[in-house]
C-alpha atoms as a PDB file:
ATOM      1  CA  MET A   1      91.367  87.912  71.331  1.00  0.00           C
ATOM      2  CA  LYS A   2      90.694  88.089  75.031  1.00  0.00           C
ATOM      3  CA  THR A   3      93.954  86.482  76.100  1.00  0.00           C
ATOM      4  CA  LEU A   4      95.683  88.922  74.103  1.00  0.00           C
ATOM      5  CA  ARG A   5      93.904  91.775  76.139  1.00  0.00           C
ATOM      6  CA  LEU A   6      94.510  90.233  79.259  1.00  0.00           C
ATOM      7  CA  LEU A   7      98.308  89.802  78.679  1.00  0.00           C
ATOM      8  CA  ALA A   8      98.151  93.255  77.207  1.00  0.00           C
ATOM      9  CA  LEU A   9      96.774  94.425  80.687  1.00  0.00           C
ATOM     10  CA  LEU A  10      99.236  92.421  82.876  1.00  0.00           C
ATOM     11  CA  SER A  11     102.217  93.859  80.871  1.00  0.00           C
ATOM     12  CA  ALA A  12     101.072  97.327  81.663  1.00  0.00           C
ATOM     13  CA  VAL A  13     100.637  96.438  85.189  1.00  0.00           C
ATOM     14  CA  LEU A  14     104.310  94.918  85.392  1.00  0.00           C
ATOM     15  CA  ALA A  15     105.531  98.100  83.384  1.00  0.00           C
ATOM     16  CA  ALA A  16     103.644 100.672  85.865  1.00  0.00           C
ATOM     17  CA  SER A  17     105.526  98.571  88.726  1.00  0.00           C
ATOM     18  CA  CYS A  18     108.736  98.618  87.478  1.00  0.00           C
ATOM     19  CA  ALA A  19     108.558 102.300  86.692  1.00  0.00           C
ATOM     20  CA  HIS A  20     108.036 103.115  90.389  1.00  0.00           C
ATOM     21  CA  THR A  21     110.462 100.765  92.248  1.00  0.00           C
ATOM     22  CA  ALA A  22     112.992 103.524  93.024  1.00  0.00           C
ATOM     23  CA  LYS A  23     113.548 103.663  96.715  1.00  0.00           C
ATOM     24  CA  VAL A  24     113.099 107.187  98.411  1.00  0.00           C
ATOM     25  CA  ARG A  25     115.471 108.049 101.214  1.00  0.00           C
ATOM     26  CA  GLY A  26     114.171 107.992 104.517  1.00  0.00           C
ATOM     27  CA  VAL A  27     111.277 105.839 103.741  1.00  0.00           C
ATOM     28  CA  GLN A  28     111.128 101.944 104.471  1.00  0.00           C
ATOM     29  CA  GLU A  29     108.843 100.371 101.665  1.00  0.00           C
ATOM     30  CA  ALA A  30     107.351  96.926 101.956  1.00  0.00           C
ATOM     31  CA  THR A  31     104.566  94.888 101.093  1.00  0.00           C
ATOM     32  CA  THR A  32     102.408  93.013 103.252  1.00  0.00           C
ATOM     33  CA  SER A  33      98.518  91.677 103.145  1.00  0.00           C
ATOM     34  CA  TYR A  34      95.421  91.091 104.978  1.00  0.00           C
ATOM     35  CA  LEU A  35      92.146  88.782 104.621  1.00  0.00           C
ATOM     36  CA  SER A  36      88.708  90.338 103.824  1.00  0.00           C
ATOM     37  CA  GLY A  37      85.910  88.037 102.690  1.00  0.00           C
ATOM     38  CA  GLY A  38      88.286  85.365 102.745  1.00  0.00           C
ATOM     39  CA  LYS A  39      90.363  87.020  99.963  1.00  0.00           C
ATOM     40  CA  LYS A  40      93.975  88.330 100.263  1.00  0.00           C
ATOM     41  CA  ILE A  41      94.306  91.877 100.086  1.00  0.00           C
ATOM     42  CA  VAL A  42      97.777  93.259  99.263  1.00  0.00           C
ATOM     43  CA  VAL A  43      98.898  96.344 101.038  1.00  0.00           C
ATOM     44  CA  GLU A  44     102.035  98.424 100.055  1.00  0.00           C
ATOM     45  CA  THR A  45     103.419 100.030 103.254  1.00  0.00           C
ATOM     46  CA  TYR A  46     105.442 103.154 103.010  1.00  0.00           C
ATOM     47  CA  LEU A  47     106.801 103.852 106.448  1.00  0.00           C
ATOM     48  CA  PRO A  48     108.804 106.725 108.179  1.00  0.00           C
ATOM     49  CA  ALA A  49     112.443 105.496 109.131  1.00  0.00           C
ATOM     50  CA  SER A  50     112.025 106.940 112.594  1.00  0.00           C
ATOM     51  CA  PRO A  51     110.916 104.339 115.319  1.00  0.00           C
ATOM     52  CA  GLY A  52     107.758 104.759 117.392  1.00  0.00           C
ATOM     53  CA  ARG A  53     104.054 104.897 116.597  1.00  0.00           C
ATOM     54  CA  HIS A  54     103.224 107.099 113.799  1.00  0.00           C
ATOM     55  CA  PRO A  55      99.900 108.766 112.397  1.00  0.00           C
ATOM     56  CA  ALA A  56      98.622 106.458 109.414  1.00  0.00           C
ATOM     57  CA  VAL A  57      96.918 107.144 106.063  1.00  0.00           C
ATOM     58  CA  ALA A  58      95.178 104.543 104.129  1.00  0.00           C
ATOM     59  CA  VAL A  59      95.608 105.562 100.425  1.00  0.00           C
ATOM     60  CA  LEU A  60      92.791 104.626  97.956  1.00  0.00           C
ATOM     61  CA  TYR A  61      93.411 104.308  94.149  1.00  0.00           C
ATOM     62  CA  GLY A  62      91.045 105.310  91.611  1.00  0.00           C
ATOM     63  CA  SER A  63      88.887 103.256  89.162  1.00  0.00           C
ATOM     64  CA  GLY A  64      91.888 102.510  86.992  1.00  0.00           C
ATOM     65  CA  GLY A  65      93.593 100.415  89.855  1.00  0.00           C
ATOM     66  CA  LEU A  66      97.379  99.397  89.500  1.00  0.00           C
ATOM     67  CA  ILE A  67      97.113 100.011  85.532  1.00  0.00           C
ATOM     68  CA  ASN A  68      96.110 103.519  85.319  1.00  0.00           C
ATOM     69  CA  GLY A  69      97.331 106.277  87.835  1.00  0.00           C
ATOM     70  CA  LYS A  70      99.088 103.991  90.529  1.00  0.00           C
ATOM     71  CA  GLY A  71     102.513 105.873  90.227  1.00  0.00           C
ATOM     72  CA  ASP A  72     100.975 108.981  91.441  1.00  0.00           C
ATOM     73  CA  MET A  73      99.422 107.124  94.702  1.00  0.00           C
ATOM     74  CA  VAL A  74     102.723 105.719  95.341  1.00  0.00           C
ATOM     75  CA  ALA A  75     104.525 109.144  95.084  1.00  0.00           C
ATOM     76  CA  PHE A  76     101.771 110.629  97.562  1.00  0.00           C
ATOM     77  CA  ALA A  77     102.222 107.543  99.959  1.00  0.00           C
ATOM     78  CA  ARG A  78     106.067 108.179  99.741  1.00  0.00           C
ATOM     79  CA  LEU A  79     105.830 111.854 100.632  1.00  0.00           C
ATOM     80  CA  LEU A  80     103.533 111.027 103.630  1.00  0.00           C
ATOM     81  CA  ALA A  81     106.212 108.670 105.010  1.00  0.00           C
ATOM     82  CA  GLN A  82     108.699 111.475 104.210  1.00  0.00           C
ATOM     83  CA  ARG A  83     106.481 113.848 106.646  1.00  0.00           C
ATOM     84  CA  GLY A  84     106.149 111.061 109.496  1.00  0.00           C
ATOM     85  CA  MET A  85     103.105 109.401 108.427  1.00  0.00           C
ATOM     86  CA  ALA A  86     102.534 105.717 107.742  1.00  0.00           C
ATOM     87  CA  ALA A  87     100.991 105.128 104.364  1.00  0.00           C
ATOM     88  CA  TYR A  88      99.238 102.295 103.389  1.00  0.00           C
ATOM     89  CA  LEU A  89      98.242 101.564  99.857  1.00  0.00           C
ATOM     90  CA  ILE A  90      95.403  99.202  99.764  1.00  0.00           C
ATOM     91  CA  HIS A  91      94.818  96.863  96.712  1.00  0.00           C
ATOM     92  CA  TYR A  92      91.054  96.947  97.440  1.00  0.00           C
ATOM     93  CA  PHE A  93      90.384  95.462  93.978  1.00  0.00           C
ATOM     94  CA  ASP A  94      91.953  92.128  95.167  1.00  0.00           C
ATOM     95  CA  ARG A  95      88.472  91.375  96.804  1.00  0.00           C
ATOM     96  CA  THR A  96      86.718  91.252  93.332  1.00  0.00           C
ATOM     97  CA  GLY A  97      89.609  90.243  91.170  1.00  0.00           C
ATOM     98  CA  THR A  98      89.184  93.524  89.412  1.00  0.00           C
ATOM     99  CA  LEU A  99      91.543  95.297  87.172  1.00  0.00           C
ATOM    100  CA  ILE A 100      89.737  98.423  85.951  1.00  0.00           C
ATOM    101  CA  ALA A 101      86.521  99.224  87.362  1.00  0.00           C
ATOM    102  CA  GLY A 102      83.581 100.628  85.023  1.00  0.00           C
ATOM    103  CA  ASP A 103      80.233 101.979  85.944  1.00  0.00           C
ATOM    104  CA  LYS A 104      78.332  98.370  85.862  1.00  0.00           C
ATOM    105  CA  SER A 105      81.321  96.892  88.483  1.00  0.00           C
ATOM    106  CA  ILE A 106      81.239 100.225  90.497  1.00  0.00           C
ATOM    107  CA  ALA A 107      77.507  99.689  90.909  1.00  0.00           C
ATOM    108  CA  ALA A 108      77.819  95.740  91.522  1.00  0.00           C
ATOM    109  CA  ASP A 109      80.902  96.082  93.986  1.00  0.00           C
ATOM    110  CA  SER A 110      81.245  99.483  95.885  1.00  0.00           C
ATOM    111  CA  LYS A 111      79.609  97.862  98.975  1.00  0.00           C
ATOM    112  CA  ILE A 112      82.047  94.897  98.741  1.00  0.00           C
ATOM    113  CA  TRP A 113      85.008  97.493  98.441  1.00  0.00           C
ATOM    114  CA  GLN A 114      83.588  99.605 101.033  1.00  0.00           C
ATOM    115  CA  ALA A 115      83.798  96.352 103.348  1.00  0.00           C
ATOM    116  CA  THR A 116      87.333  95.730 102.160  1.00  0.00           C
ATOM    117  CA  VAL A 117      88.385  99.214 103.085  1.00  0.00           C
ATOM    118  CA  LYS A 118      86.810  98.853 106.683  1.00  0.00           C
ATOM    119  CA  ASP A 119      88.817  95.796 107.157  1.00  0.00           C
ATOM    120  CA  GLY A 120      91.865  97.487 105.906  1.00  0.00           C
ATOM    121  CA  ILE A 121      91.357 100.136 108.818  1.00  0.00           C
ATOM    122  CA  ASP A 122      91.086  97.274 111.200  1.00  0.00           C
ATOM    123  CA  PHE A 123      94.457  95.899 109.868  1.00  0.00           C
ATOM    124  CA  ILE A 124      96.085  99.378 109.681  1.00  0.00           C
ATOM    125  CA  SER A 125      95.152 100.151 113.249  1.00  0.00           C
ATOM    126  CA  GLN A 126      96.672  96.843 114.638  1.00  0.00           C
ATOM    127  CA  GLN A 127     100.152  97.564 113.162  1.00  0.00           C
ATOM    128  CA  PRO A 128     102.986  98.385 115.867  1.00  0.00           C
ATOM    129  CA  GLU A 129     104.062 101.094 114.173  1.00  0.00           C
ATOM    130  CA  VAL A 130     100.848 103.129 113.999  1.00  0.00           C
ATOM    131  CA  ASN A 131      99.076 105.363 116.361  1.00  0.00           C
ATOM    132  CA  PRO A 132      95.563 103.973 116.469  1.00  0.00           C
ATOM    133  CA  ARG A 133      93.957 107.497 117.361  1.00  0.00           C
ATOM    134  CA  ALA A 134      95.664 109.182 114.412  1.00  0.00           C
ATOM    135  CA  ILE A 135      94.292 107.286 111.055  1.00  0.00           C
ATOM    136  CA  GLY A 136      93.325 109.316 107.883  1.00  0.00           C
ATOM    137  CA  LEU A 137      92.168 108.606 104.570  1.00  0.00           C
ATOM    138  CA  TYR A 138      93.618 110.101 101.007  1.00  0.00           C
ATOM    139  CA  GLY A 139      91.626 108.700  97.897  1.00  0.00           C
ATOM    140  CA  TYR A 140      91.341 109.473  94.307  1.00  0.00           C
ATOM    141  CA  SER A 141      88.116 109.127  92.345  1.00  0.00           C
ATOM    142  CA  LEU A 142      86.631 105.931  93.022  1.00  0.00           C
ATOM    143  CA  GLY A 143      89.078 105.615  95.888  1.00  0.00           C
ATOM    144  CA  ALA A 144      87.958 109.307  96.929  1.00  0.00           C
ATOM    145  CA  PHE A 145      84.235 107.942  97.344  1.00  0.00           C
ATOM    146  CA  LEU A 146      85.464 104.784  99.347  1.00  0.00           C
ATOM    147  CA  SER A 147      87.350 107.340 101.404  1.00  0.00           C
ATOM    148  CA  VAL A 148      84.399 109.771 102.167  1.00  0.00           C
ATOM    149  CA  GLY A 149      82.109 106.607 103.078  1.00  0.00           C
ATOM    150  CA  ALA A 150      84.915 105.268 105.329  1.00  0.00           C
ATOM    151  CA  ALA A 151      85.315 108.771 107.143  1.00  0.00           C
ATOM    152  CA  THR A 152      81.701 109.454 107.644  1.00  0.00           C
ATOM    153  CA  THR A 153      80.792 105.919 108.972  1.00  0.00           C
ATOM    154  CA  ASP A 154      83.842 104.859 110.966  1.00  0.00           C
ATOM    155  CA  ALA A 155      84.705 106.707 114.244  1.00  0.00           C
ATOM    156  CA  ARG A 156      88.392 105.892 113.938  1.00  0.00           C
ATOM    157  CA  ILE A 157      89.089 108.150 111.013  1.00  0.00           C
ATOM    158  CA  VAL A 158      90.408 111.532 112.283  1.00  0.00           C
ATOM    159  CA  ALA A 159      90.716 113.161 108.918  1.00  0.00           C
ATOM    160  CA  ALA A 160      90.422 112.487 104.883  1.00  0.00           C
ATOM    161  CA  ALA A 161      91.248 114.112 101.808  1.00  0.00           C
ATOM    162  CA  GLU A 162      89.413 113.442  98.766  1.00  0.00           C
ATOM    163  CA  LEU A 163      89.907 114.332  95.270  1.00  0.00           C
ATOM    164  CA  SER A 164      87.573 114.064  92.532  1.00  0.00           C
ATOM    165  CA  GLY A 165      85.214 112.149  94.475  1.00  0.00           C
ATOM    166  CA  GLY A 166      81.978 112.464  96.240  1.00  0.00           C
ATOM    167  CA  LEU A 167      79.328 110.658  98.059  1.00  0.00           C
ATOM    168  CA  PHE A 168      77.856 107.329  97.398  1.00  0.00           C
ATOM    169  CA  GLN A 169      74.228 107.562  96.766  1.00  0.00           C
ATOM    170  CA  GLY A 170      73.272 105.462  99.486  1.00  0.00           C
ATOM    171  CA  LEU A 171      75.036 107.431 102.121  1.00  0.00           C
ATOM    172  CA  LYS A 172      73.532 110.790 101.210  1.00  0.00           C
ATOM    173  CA  GLY A 173      71.187 111.942 104.269  1.00  0.00           C
ATOM    174  CA  HIS A 174      72.446 108.695 106.190  1.00  0.00           C
ATOM    175  CA  THR A 175      76.078 109.726 107.098  1.00  0.00           C
ATOM    176  CA  ARG A 176      77.055 109.279 111.051  1.00  0.00           C
ATOM    177  CA  ARG A 177      79.914 111.549 111.368  1.00  0.00           C
ATOM    178  CA  PHE A 178      81.797 114.126 109.525  1.00  0.00           C
ATOM    179  CA  PRO A 179      85.244 114.536 110.334  1.00  0.00           C
ATOM    180  CA  PRO A 180      87.904 117.201 109.066  1.00  0.00           C
ATOM    181  CA  MET A 181      87.758 116.791 105.230  1.00  0.00           C
ATOM    182  CA  LEU A 182      89.673 118.283 102.388  1.00  0.00           C
ATOM    183  CA  ILE A 183      87.369 118.161  99.042  1.00  0.00           C
ATOM    184  CA  LEU A 184      89.186 118.858  95.987  1.00  0.00           C
ATOM    185  CA  HIS A 185      87.680 118.927  92.488  1.00  0.00           C
ATOM    186  CA  GLY A 186      87.878 120.349  88.948  1.00  0.00           C
ATOM    187  CA  SER A 187      85.013 122.696  87.787  1.00  0.00           C
ATOM    188  CA  ASP A 188      85.025 120.958  84.425  1.00  0.00           C
ATOM    189  CA  ASP A 189      85.170 117.248  85.537  1.00  0.00           C
ATOM    190  CA  GLN A 190      83.463 115.185  82.873  1.00  0.00           C
ATOM    191  CA  ARG A 191      83.739 111.986  84.695  1.00  0.00           C
ATOM    192  CA  VAL A 192      82.751 112.722  88.402  1.00  0.00           C
ATOM    193  CA  ARG A 193      80.942 116.153  87.895  1.00  0.00           C
ATOM    194  CA  ILE A 194      81.182 118.897  90.315  1.00  0.00           C
ATOM    195  CA  LYS A 195      77.617 118.160  91.251  1.00  0.00           C
ATOM    196  CA  PHE A 196      79.188 115.546  93.375  1.00  0.00           C
ATOM    197  CA  ALA A 197      81.254 117.989  95.427  1.00  0.00           C
ATOM    198  CA  GLU A 198      78.412 120.300  96.053  1.00  0.00           C
ATOM    199  CA  GLU A 199      76.335 117.241  97.066  1.00  0.00           C
ATOM    200  CA  LEU A 200      79.188 116.478  99.745  1.00  0.00           C
ATOM    201  CA  LEU A 201      79.123 119.996 100.867  1.00  0.00           C
ATOM    202  CA  LEU A 202      75.220 119.897 101.534  1.00  0.00           C
ATOM    203  CA  GLU A 203      75.646 116.595 103.457  1.00  0.00           C
ATOM    204  CA  ALA A 204      78.534 118.116 105.559  1.00  0.00           C
ATOM    205  CA  ARG A 205      75.916 121.187 106.333  1.00  0.00           C
ATOM    206  CA  ARG A 206      73.595 118.611 107.332  1.00  0.00           C
ATOM    207  CA  MET A 207      76.045 117.390 110.001  1.00  0.00           C
ATOM    208  CA  HIS A 208      77.136 121.038 110.828  1.00  0.00           C
ATOM    209  CA  ALA A 209      80.468 120.183 109.584  1.00  0.00           C
ATOM    210  CA  ARG A 210      82.797 122.773 107.508  1.00  0.00           C
ATOM    211  CA  PRO A 211      85.108 120.996 105.314  1.00  0.00           C
ATOM    212  CA  ALA A 212      88.037 122.624 103.611  1.00  0.00           C
ATOM    213  CA  VAL A 213      87.284 122.745  99.780  1.00  0.00           C
ATOM    214  CA  HIS A 214      89.299 123.948  96.818  1.00  0.00           C
ATOM    215  CA  ILE A 215      87.672 123.658  93.164  1.00  0.00           C
ATOM    216  CA  TYR A 216      90.060 124.155  90.429  1.00  0.00           C
ATOM    217  CA  PRO A 217      88.513 126.458  87.676  1.00  0.00           C
ATOM    218  CA  GLY A 218      88.427 124.732  84.144  1.00  0.00           C
ATOM    219  CA  GLU A 219      89.954 121.502  85.411  1.00  0.00           C
ATOM    220  CA  GLY A 220      88.814 118.046  84.504  1.00  0.00           C
ATOM    221  CA  HIS A 221      88.830 114.378  86.162  1.00  0.00           C
ATOM    222  CA  SER A 222      92.697 114.531  86.015  1.00  0.00           C
ATOM    223  CA  LEU A 223      94.151 117.608  86.835  1.00  0.00           C
ATOM    224  CA  SER A 224      96.891 119.528  85.026  1.00  0.00           C
ATOM    225  CA  THR A 225     100.590 119.047  86.332  1.00  0.00           C
ATOM    226  CA  SER A 226     100.216 122.299  88.114  1.00  0.00           C
ATOM    227  CA  ALA A 227      96.804 121.662  89.757  1.00  0.00           C
ATOM    228  CA  ALA A 228      97.798 118.311  90.739  1.00  0.00           C
ATOM    229  CA  ALA A 229     100.931 119.646  92.373  1.00  0.00           C
ATOM    230  CA  ASP A 230      98.777 122.312  94.098  1.00  0.00           C
ATOM    231  CA  ALA A 231      96.341 119.300  95.302  1.00  0.00           C
ATOM    232  CA  THR A 232      99.346 117.163  96.558  1.00  0.00           C
ATOM    233  CA  THR A 233     100.349 119.949  98.626  1.00  0.00           C
ATOM    234  CA  ARG A 234      97.083 120.911 100.089  1.00  0.00           C
ATOM    235  CA  ALA A 235      96.169 117.286 100.774  1.00  0.00           C
ATOM    236  CA  LEU A 236      99.764 116.814 102.513  1.00  0.00           C
ATOM    237  CA  ILE A 237      99.266 120.039 104.604  1.00  0.00           C
ATOM    238  CA  PHE A 238      95.795 119.081 105.576  1.00  0.00           C
ATOM    239  CA  LEU A 239      96.654 115.557 106.752  1.00  0.00           C
ATOM    240  CA  GLN A 240      99.745 116.313 108.456  1.00  0.00           C
ATOM    241  CA  LEU A 241      97.881 119.287 110.129  1.00  0.00           C
ATOM    242  CA  HIS A 242      95.390 116.883 111.556  1.00  0.00           C
ATOM    243  CA  LEU A 243      96.946 113.939 112.152  1.00  0.00           C
ATOM    244  CA  HIS A 244     100.425 114.742 113.029  1.00  0.00           C
ATOM    245  CA  PRO A 245     100.450 118.504 114.657  1.00  0.00           C
END
Protein backbone atom coordinates (compact mmCIF):
# COMPACT_ATOMS: atom_id res chain seq x y z
CA MET A 1 0.00 0.00 0.00
CA LYS A 2 2.80 2.43 0.89
CA THR A 3 4.55 1.65 -2.38
CA LEU A 4 1.39 2.39 -4.35
CA ARG A 5 0.92 5.68 -2.54
CA LEU A 6 4.52 6.69 -3.21
CA LEU A 7 4.17 5.82 -6.88
CA ALA A 8 0.99 7.89 -7.05
CA LEU A 9 2.76 10.87 -5.50
CA LEU A 10 5.72 10.56 -7.87
CA SER A 11 3.35 10.32 -10.83
CA ALA A 12 1.67 13.52 -9.68
CA VAL A 13 5.03 15.27 -9.50
CA LEU A 14 5.94 14.18 -13.03
CA ALA A 15 2.54 15.21 -14.36
CA ALA A 16 2.82 18.65 -12.74
CA SER A 17 6.31 19.09 -14.18
CA CYS A 18 5.25 18.09 -17.69
CA ALA A 19 2.25 20.39 -17.58
CA HIS A 20 4.43 23.46 -17.11
CA THR A 21 7.43 22.84 -19.38
CA ALA A 22 6.37 25.28 -22.09
CA LYS A 23 9.02 27.96 -22.46
CA VAL A 24 8.15 31.64 -22.33
CA ARG A 25 9.66 34.03 -24.85
CA GLY A 26 12.29 36.28 -23.33
CA VAL A 27 12.91 34.00 -20.33
CA GLN A 28 15.96 31.76 -19.97
CA GLU A 29 15.05 28.66 -17.96
CA ALA A 30 17.46 26.19 -16.40
CA THR A 31 18.02 24.01 -13.35
CA THR A 32 20.95 24.25 -10.95
CA SER A 33 21.64 23.37 -7.31
CA TYR A 34 23.52 24.23 -4.14
CA LEU A 35 24.43 22.37 -0.96
CA SER A 36 22.70 22.92 2.36
CA GLY A 37 23.44 20.71 5.33
CA GLY A 38 25.25 18.36 3.00
CA LYS A 39 22.13 17.90 0.85
CA LYS A 40 21.69 18.89 -2.78
CA ILE A 41 19.00 21.57 -3.12
CA VAL A 42 17.58 21.94 -6.62
CA VAL A 43 16.90 25.46 -7.88
CA GLU A 44 14.87 26.27 -10.97
CA THR A 45 16.13 29.49 -12.55
CA TYR A 46 14.09 31.92 -14.65
CA LEU A 47 16.30 34.69 -15.97
CA PRO A 48 15.71 37.76 -18.14
CA ALA A 49 17.12 37.39 -21.64
CA SER A 50 18.96 40.72 -21.37
CA PRO A 51 22.61 40.65 -20.26
CA GLY A 52 24.00 42.17 -17.10
CA ARG A 53 23.17 41.94 -13.41
CA HIS A 54 19.54 41.87 -12.39
CA PRO A 55 17.51 42.14 -9.19
CA ALA A 56 16.71 38.66 -7.89
CA VAL A 57 13.72 37.06 -6.17
CA ALA A 58 13.76 33.78 -4.27
CA VAL A 59 10.42 32.05 -4.88
CA LEU A 60 9.21 29.66 -2.16
CA TYR A 61 6.35 27.20 -2.64
CA GLY A 62 3.87 26.20 0.05
CA SER A 63 3.38 22.99 2.02
CA GLY A 64 2.17 21.23 -1.14
CA GLY A 65 5.72 21.40 -2.48
CA LEU A 66 6.13 20.19 -6.05
CA ILE A 67 2.87 18.27 -5.96
CA ASN A 68 0.29 20.94 -5.27
CA GLY A 69 0.65 24.51 -6.50
CA LYS A 70 4.06 24.41 -8.18
CA GLY A 71 2.58 25.57 -11.48
CA ASP A 72 1.48 28.86 -9.92
CA MET A 73 4.98 29.46 -8.57
CA VAL A 74 6.56 28.70 -11.95
CA ALA A 75 4.14 31.08 -13.66
CA PHE A 76 5.00 33.81 -11.14
CA ALA A 77 8.74 33.21 -11.60
CA ARG A 78 8.37 33.59 -15.37
CA LEU A 79 6.49 36.85 -14.92
CA LEU A 80 9.30 38.15 -12.72
CA ALA A 81 11.85 37.30 -15.40
CA GLN A 82 9.77 39.00 -18.07
CA ARG A 83 9.93 42.14 -15.93
CA GLY A 84 13.69 42.12 -15.62
CA MET A 85 14.07 40.22 -12.35
CA ALA A 86 15.96 36.94 -11.99
CA ALA A 87 13.73 34.37 -10.26
CA TYR A 88 14.94 31.32 -8.33
CA LEU A 89 12.43 28.65 -7.33
CA ILE A 90 14.13 26.90 -4.40
CA HIS A 91 13.23 23.24 -3.72
CA TYR A 92 13.83 23.62 0.01
CA PHE A 93 12.04 20.33 0.76
CA ASP A 94 15.09 18.58 -0.73
CA ARG A 95 16.87 19.18 2.57
CA THR A 96 14.46 16.90 4.46
CA GLY A 97 13.20 14.66 1.68
CA THR A 98 9.69 16.05 2.15
CA LEU A 99 6.95 15.68 -0.48
CA ILE A 100 4.05 17.38 1.32
CA ALA A 101 4.40 19.08 4.70
CA GLY A 102 1.80 18.55 7.41
CA ASP A 103 1.59 20.28 10.78
CA LYS A 104 3.96 17.76 12.45
CA SER A 105 6.66 18.06 9.81
CA ILE A 106 6.37 21.85 9.79
CA ALA A 107 6.88 21.92 13.55
CA ALA A 108 9.83 19.55 13.30
CA ASP A 109 11.57 20.89 10.19
CA SER A 110 10.80 24.61 9.92
CA LYS A 111 14.19 25.65 11.35
CA ILE A 112 15.97 23.35 8.90
CA TRP A 113 14.04 24.90 6.01
CA GLN A 114 14.86 28.37 7.29
CA ALA A 115 18.56 27.47 7.22
CA THR A 116 18.11 26.02 3.73
CA VAL A 117 16.54 29.26 2.49
CA LYS A 118 19.40 31.27 4.04
CA ASP A 119 21.89 29.08 2.16
CA GLY A 120 19.78 29.67 -0.94
CA ILE A 121 20.12 33.42 -0.52
CA ASP A 122 23.88 32.92 -0.17
CA PHE A 123 23.80 31.01 -3.46
CA ILE A 124 21.65 33.58 -5.27
CA SER A 125 23.80 36.50 -4.14
CA GLN A 126 26.87 34.87 -5.71
CA GLN A 127 25.37 34.36 -9.16
CA PRO A 128 26.99 36.47 -11.90
CA GLU A 129 23.60 37.56 -13.27
CA VAL A 130 22.42 38.92 -9.92
CA ASN A 131 22.74 42.33 -8.31
CA PRO A 132 23.48 41.24 -4.71
CA ARG A 133 22.14 44.54 -3.39
CA ALA A 134 18.66 43.90 -4.82
CA ILE A 135 17.39 40.55 -3.52
CA GLY A 136 13.74 39.95 -2.65
CA LEU A 137 11.45 37.11 -1.63
CA TYR A 138 8.06 35.80 -2.65
CA GLY A 139 6.33 32.98 -0.81
CA TYR A 140 2.96 31.32 -0.49
CA SER A 141 1.64 29.70 2.72
CA LEU A 142 4.58 27.83 4.31
CA GLY A 143 6.82 29.57 1.78
CA ALA A 144 5.37 32.88 2.97
CA PHE A 145 6.32 32.08 6.57
CA LEU A 146 9.84 31.26 5.38
CA SER A 147 9.96 34.48 3.33
CA VAL A 148 8.92 36.58 6.31
CA GLY A 149 11.45 34.78 8.51
CA ALA A 150 14.28 35.46 6.09
CA ALA A 151 13.23 39.05 5.41
CA THR A 152 13.11 39.95 9.11
CA THR A 153 16.50 38.43 9.94
CA ASP A 154 18.69 38.74 6.83
CA ALA A 155 20.01 42.22 5.99
CA ARG A 156 20.48 41.28 2.33
CA ILE A 157 16.71 41.14 1.71
CA VAL A 158 15.48 44.41 0.24
CA ALA A 159 11.77 43.53 -0.03
CA ALA A 160 9.36 40.62 0.42
CA ALA A 161 5.86 39.75 -0.74
CA GLU A 162 3.96 37.06 1.14
CA LEU A 163 0.61 35.41 0.42
CA SER A 164 -1.39 33.50 3.06
CA GLY A 165 1.45 33.37 5.55
CA GLY A 166 2.66 34.96 8.75
CA LEU A 167 5.46 34.96 11.31
CA PHE A 168 6.86 31.80 12.90
CA GLN A 169 6.10 31.64 16.63
CA GLY A 170 9.76 31.82 17.62
CA LEU A 171 10.26 35.12 15.77
CA LYS A 172 7.41 37.02 17.41
CA GLY A 173 8.97 39.88 19.32
CA HIS A 174 12.42 38.90 18.09
CA THR A 175 12.65 40.17 14.51
CA ARG A 176 15.80 42.20 13.85
CA ARG A 177 14.56 44.24 10.90
CA PHE A 178 11.46 44.81 8.79
CA PRO A 179 12.11 45.68 5.13
CA PRO A 180 9.33 46.79 2.76
CA MET A 181 6.79 44.00 2.78
CA LEU A 182 3.51 43.20 1.03
CA ILE A 183 1.02 41.18 3.09
CA LEU A 184 -1.76 39.44 1.16
CA HIS A 185 -4.36 37.31 2.93
CA GLY A 186 -7.88 35.96 2.59
CA SER A 187 -10.22 37.03 5.38
CA ASP A 188 -11.79 33.55 5.54
CA ASP A 189 -8.54 31.56 5.41
CA GLN A 190 -9.11 28.44 7.53
CA ARG A 191 -5.62 26.99 7.06
CA VAL A 192 -3.61 30.08 8.02
CA ARG A 193 -6.15 32.23 9.79
CA ILE A 194 -6.30 35.99 9.42
CA LYS A 195 -4.86 36.35 12.94
CA PHE A 196 -1.44 35.48 11.49
CA ALA A 197 -1.60 38.51 9.21
CA GLU A 198 -2.71 40.63 12.16
CA GLU A 199 0.18 39.36 14.30
CA LEU A 200 2.59 40.17 11.47
CA LEU A 201 1.22 43.71 11.38
CA LEU A 202 1.74 44.05 15.14
CA GLU A 203 5.34 42.95 14.73
CA ALA A 204 5.79 45.51 11.95
CA ARG A 205 4.50 48.25 14.22
CA ARG A 206 6.91 47.13 16.94
CA MET A 207 9.70 47.66 14.41
CA HIS A 208 8.19 51.02 13.33
CA ALA A 209 7.52 49.63 9.85
CA ARG A 210 4.48 50.17 7.66
CA PRO A 211 4.00 47.21 5.31
CA ALA A 212 1.55 47.27 2.42
CA VAL A 213 -1.50 45.13 3.18
CA HIS A 214 -4.42 43.82 1.18
CA ILE A 215 -7.04 41.53 2.69
CA TYR A 216 -9.40 39.70 0.32
CA PRO A 217 -12.92 39.62 1.83
CA GLY A 218 -14.48 36.16 1.92
CA GLU A 219 -11.43 34.48 0.36
CA GLY A 220 -9.86 31.33 1.78
CA HIS A 221 -6.35 29.91 1.80
CA SER A 222 -6.44 29.28 -1.94
CA LEU A 223 -7.68 32.44 -3.60
CA SER A 224 -10.33 32.49 -6.32
CA THR A 225 -9.18 33.07 -9.89
CA SER A 226 -9.89 36.80 -9.83
CA ALA A 227 -8.36 37.33 -6.38
CA ALA A 228 -5.28 35.28 -7.32
CA ALA A 229 -4.80 37.40 -10.45
CA ASP A 230 -5.05 40.55 -8.35
CA ALA A 231 -2.55 39.18 -5.79
CA THR A 232 -0.12 38.31 -8.58
CA THR A 233 -0.34 41.81 -10.04
CA ARG A 234 0.14 43.44 -6.64
CA ALA A 235 3.16 41.27 -5.82
CA LEU A 236 4.81 41.90 -9.19
CA ILE A 237 4.33 45.66 -8.95
CA PHE A 238 5.54 45.72 -5.35
CA LEU A 239 8.71 43.74 -6.03
CA GLN A 240 9.49 45.68 -9.19
CA LEU A 241 9.01 48.97 -7.34
CA HIS A 242 11.43 48.06 -4.57
CA LEU A 243 13.94 45.94 -6.47
CA HIS A 244 13.93 47.28 -10.00
CA PRO A 245 12.59 50.84 -10.02
